Every structure is written in C-alpha cells, then in structure tokens.
Amino acid sequence: MRSELDFTPLYRSSIGFDQVFNLLNNAQRLHAVDNWPPYDIVKTGEDEYRITMAVAGFAENNLDIQQERNVLVVKGSENQPQPGEYLHRGIAAQPFERRFELAGHVTVENATLKNGLLTIALKREVPEALKPRRIAIGAVSADANGQREIESEKKVA
C-alpha cells in the first residue's frame, strides 16, 4: 500500500517554496529507482558537499559533467569493447546519465577521477545580498531623494 503525502497545509504558511514542494511530489512519484552507477553524497562542511560515484571502467574522456541551472548532470558514454570473446561480463559498462537536483547557489568546485571513483566537490555560496541582515528598530533616516534607508549590520570576513 502506497500513500502520497499532502503538502497543502504547508502552502498556507510558506511563500515561494513551490519548487520545493514540486520536488517532493516528484520524488514520491518515482516508481523505478535507477541505482546504477552507485554513488554517495557526503556533507563535508557547513556549505560543502561531495558526490562520489563508482564508475569502474570509464576513463576521463568517457565522462561528461555539466551544471545546468540547478541540475548537475553526469553522463558516461560507452567504452570501446575489449578484444576477445566474453565468457562472463560482470563489469557494467553501459552508458548512463545521473541527475542531481541542486539547491540555489550550489556550484561545482572540481571533479577528479581516481581508482574508478569520480569525486565531485560542491559548494554553496550565498550572495551577500541574500544573507540575513539586522534591522534596527526606530533607526529611520532619509537620503537625498527623501527615501528611507534600512541600516544593515556589516560583517567582516
């Protein structure tokens, strides 16, 4: 028995989170789970992440990594077949495409391939304009045009 979650109550108290609810709804509807190639996602710091994918048999020129807006796409193309007749083929070398949904302001820092493991380092960098700021109560001033300004606390890095 399968039941879907209803996010309707959350719409009453949140604004601008439609994309998050759509992602959750889409995740619920996935029937076939593609589990190849296997991968890990690790949070390595407050705003740093690492994806490690097991891509045995793929060389750097057979892998393609692209970031399109908030989606990271990792593709593996077919390798050249080895000469000889296969008696058993246990190493999966079929082409693949794996997609990862990224939150806003998450970018790829670098990617490395070592010992059959593709490692992709990600970092979230929130622009200064989007970081929380302190608003002083009663501190209203007028600029040259007669408009009000809100004082913000400046943080020194």
Protein backbone atom coordinates (compact mmCIF):
# COMPACT_ATOMS: atom_id res chain seq x y z
CA MET A 1 0.00 0.00 0.00
CA ARG A 2 1.38 3.34 -1.04
CA SER A 3 0.22 6.72 0.17
CA GLU A 4 1.22 10.15 -1.04
CA LEU A 5 1.87 12.99 1.35
CA ASP A 6 -0.36 16.05 1.15
CA PHE A 7 1.63 19.30 1.29
CA THR A 8 -1.46 21.55 1.13
CA PRO A 9 -1.22 22.70 4.80
CA LEU A 10 2.33 23.91 4.18
CA TYR A 11 1.17 26.22 1.38
CA ARG A 12 -0.78 28.27 3.97
CA SER A 13 2.32 29.29 5.92
CA SER A 14 5.04 29.45 3.27
CA ILE A 15 5.71 31.72 0.36
CA GLY A 16 8.00 30.96 -2.55
CA PHE A 17 8.59 27.29 -1.70
CA ASP A 18 6.54 25.94 -4.62
CA GLN A 19 9.65 24.43 -6.22
CA VAL A 20 10.50 22.53 -3.03
CA PHE A 21 7.00 21.04 -2.84
CA ASN A 22 7.16 20.11 -6.53
CA LEU A 23 10.48 18.32 -5.94
CA LEU A 24 8.96 16.38 -3.04
CA ASN A 25 5.90 15.44 -5.08
CA ASN A 26 8.05 14.28 -8.00
CA ALA A 27 10.25 12.22 -5.66
CA GLN A 28 7.14 10.45 -4.35
CA ARG A 29 6.05 9.52 -7.86
CA LEU A 30 9.29 7.83 -8.90
CA HIS A 31 8.43 4.19 -9.46
CA ALA A 32 11.59 2.72 -10.92
CA VAL A 33 14.67 3.58 -8.94
CA ASP A 34 17.78 3.62 -11.08
CA ASN A 35 20.61 2.50 -8.84
CA TRP A 36 23.49 2.39 -11.33
CA PRO A 37 26.13 3.64 -11.05
CA PRO A 38 26.19 3.61 -7.25
CA TYR A 39 27.04 6.89 -5.54
CA ASP A 40 27.47 8.57 -2.15
CA ILE A 41 26.58 12.12 -1.16
CA VAL A 42 28.55 13.46 1.81
CA LYS A 43 28.28 16.79 3.62
CA THR A 44 31.92 17.71 4.27
CA GLY A 45 31.38 21.14 5.83
CA GLU A 46 28.68 23.66 6.63
CA ASP A 47 28.32 24.64 2.95
CA GLU A 48 30.40 21.94 1.25
CA TYR A 49 29.32 18.63 -0.25
CA ARG A 50 30.92 15.76 -2.14
CA ILE A 51 29.39 13.28 -4.58
CA THR A 52 31.39 10.09 -5.16
CA MET A 53 30.31 7.78 -7.99
CA ALA A 54 31.68 4.30 -8.72
CA VAL A 55 32.45 4.42 -12.45
CA ALA A 56 34.82 1.47 -12.87
CA GLY A 57 35.91 1.01 -16.45
CA PHE A 58 35.22 4.60 -17.52
CA ALA A 59 38.08 6.90 -18.49
CA GLU A 60 38.01 10.70 -18.18
CA ASN A 61 37.19 11.07 -21.87
CA ASN A 62 34.11 8.82 -21.42
CA LEU A 63 32.63 11.03 -18.67
CA ASP A 64 30.84 14.35 -19.06
CA ILE A 65 29.81 16.61 -16.16
CA GLN A 66 27.54 19.61 -16.74
CA GLN A 67 25.74 22.02 -14.44
CA GLU A 68 22.53 23.39 -15.94
CA ARG A 69 20.92 25.92 -13.60
CA ASN A 70 20.05 23.86 -10.50
CA VAL A 71 20.73 20.43 -12.01
CA LEU A 72 24.04 18.57 -12.10
CA VAL A 73 24.17 16.03 -14.95
CA VAL A 74 26.82 13.29 -15.04
CA LYS A 75 26.95 11.21 -18.22
CA GLY A 76 29.05 8.20 -19.08
CA SER A 77 29.47 7.14 -22.70
CA GLU A 78 30.23 3.67 -23.98
CA ASN A 79 33.76 2.38 -23.81
CA GLN A 80 35.41 0.65 -26.72
CA PRO A 81 34.90 -3.11 -26.38
CA GLN A 82 37.96 -5.09 -25.40
CA PRO A 83 39.21 -7.57 -27.99
CA GLY A 84 38.24 -11.17 -27.37
CA GLU A 85 35.14 -13.18 -26.61
CA TYR A 86 33.47 -12.54 -23.27
CA LEU A 87 32.69 -15.71 -21.32
CA HIS A 88 31.23 -13.64 -18.47
CA ARG A 89 30.52 -9.91 -18.42
CA GLY A 90 30.13 -8.71 -14.84
CA ILE A 91 31.55 -5.19 -15.12
CA ALA A 92 28.72 -2.91 -16.16
CA ALA A 93 30.00 -0.56 -18.84
CA GLN A 94 26.73 0.63 -20.36
CA PRO A 95 26.17 4.33 -20.89
CA PHE A 96 24.44 6.18 -18.07
CA GLU A 97 23.05 9.56 -17.12
CA ARG A 98 22.63 10.59 -13.48
CA ARG A 99 20.92 13.84 -12.47
CA PHE A 100 21.22 15.62 -9.14
CA GLU A 101 18.93 18.50 -8.13
CA LEU A 102 20.99 21.30 -6.60
CA ALA A 103 19.77 23.95 -4.19
CA GLY A 104 20.16 27.59 -5.12
CA HIS A 105 23.72 28.96 -5.19
CA VAL A 106 25.36 25.50 -5.17
CA THR A 107 28.19 25.27 -7.69
CA VAL A 108 30.68 22.60 -8.73
CA GLU A 109 34.19 23.38 -7.49
CA ASN A 110 36.07 20.49 -9.12
CA ALA A 111 35.90 16.87 -10.20
CA THR A 112 38.50 14.11 -10.02
CA LEU A 113 38.68 10.52 -11.23
CA LYS A 114 40.87 8.14 -9.25
CA ASN A 115 40.76 4.36 -8.85
CA GLY A 116 37.39 4.11 -10.59
CA LEU A 117 35.75 6.71 -8.32
CA LEU A 118 34.51 10.00 -9.73
CA THR A 119 34.51 12.65 -6.99
CA ILE A 120 32.65 15.94 -7.50
CA ALA A 121 33.14 18.72 -4.93
CA LEU A 122 30.23 21.15 -4.48
CA LYS A 123 29.96 24.38 -2.52
CA ARG A 124 27.06 26.63 -1.61
CA GLU A 125 27.93 30.32 -1.80
CA VAL A 126 25.08 32.57 -0.79
CA PRO A 127 25.48 36.12 -2.14
CA GLU A 128 25.92 38.85 0.45
CA ALA A 129 22.61 40.46 -0.60
CA LEU A 130 20.71 37.27 0.33
CA LYS A 131 22.32 36.73 3.74
CA PRO A 132 20.36 37.69 6.85
CA ARG A 133 20.77 41.30 7.97
CA ARG A 134 19.94 43.05 11.18
CA ILE A 135 17.29 45.75 11.05
CA ALA A 136 17.47 48.40 13.76
CA ILE A 137 14.16 49.48 15.25
CA GLY A 138 13.46 53.19 15.06
CA ALA A 139 16.57 53.98 13.00
CA VAL A 140 14.96 55.75 10.07
CA SER A 141 16.94 58.22 8.01
CA ALA A 142 16.19 59.98 4.74
CA ASP A 143 18.59 60.11 1.83
CA ALA A 144 18.88 62.94 -0.72
CA ASN A 145 15.69 61.81 -2.50
CA GLY A 146 13.68 61.68 0.71
CA GLN A 147 13.51 57.88 0.71
CA ARG A 148 14.04 55.79 3.80
CA GLU A 149 17.03 53.53 4.28
CA ILE A 150 17.33 50.46 6.47
CA GLU A 151 20.62 50.13 8.28
CA SER A 152 22.27 46.75 7.90
CA GLU A 153 24.98 45.20 10.00
CA LYS A 154 28.19 44.71 8.05
CA LYS A 155 30.10 41.52 8.66
CA VAL A 156 33.85 41.44 8.30
CA ALA A 157 35.16 38.26 6.71
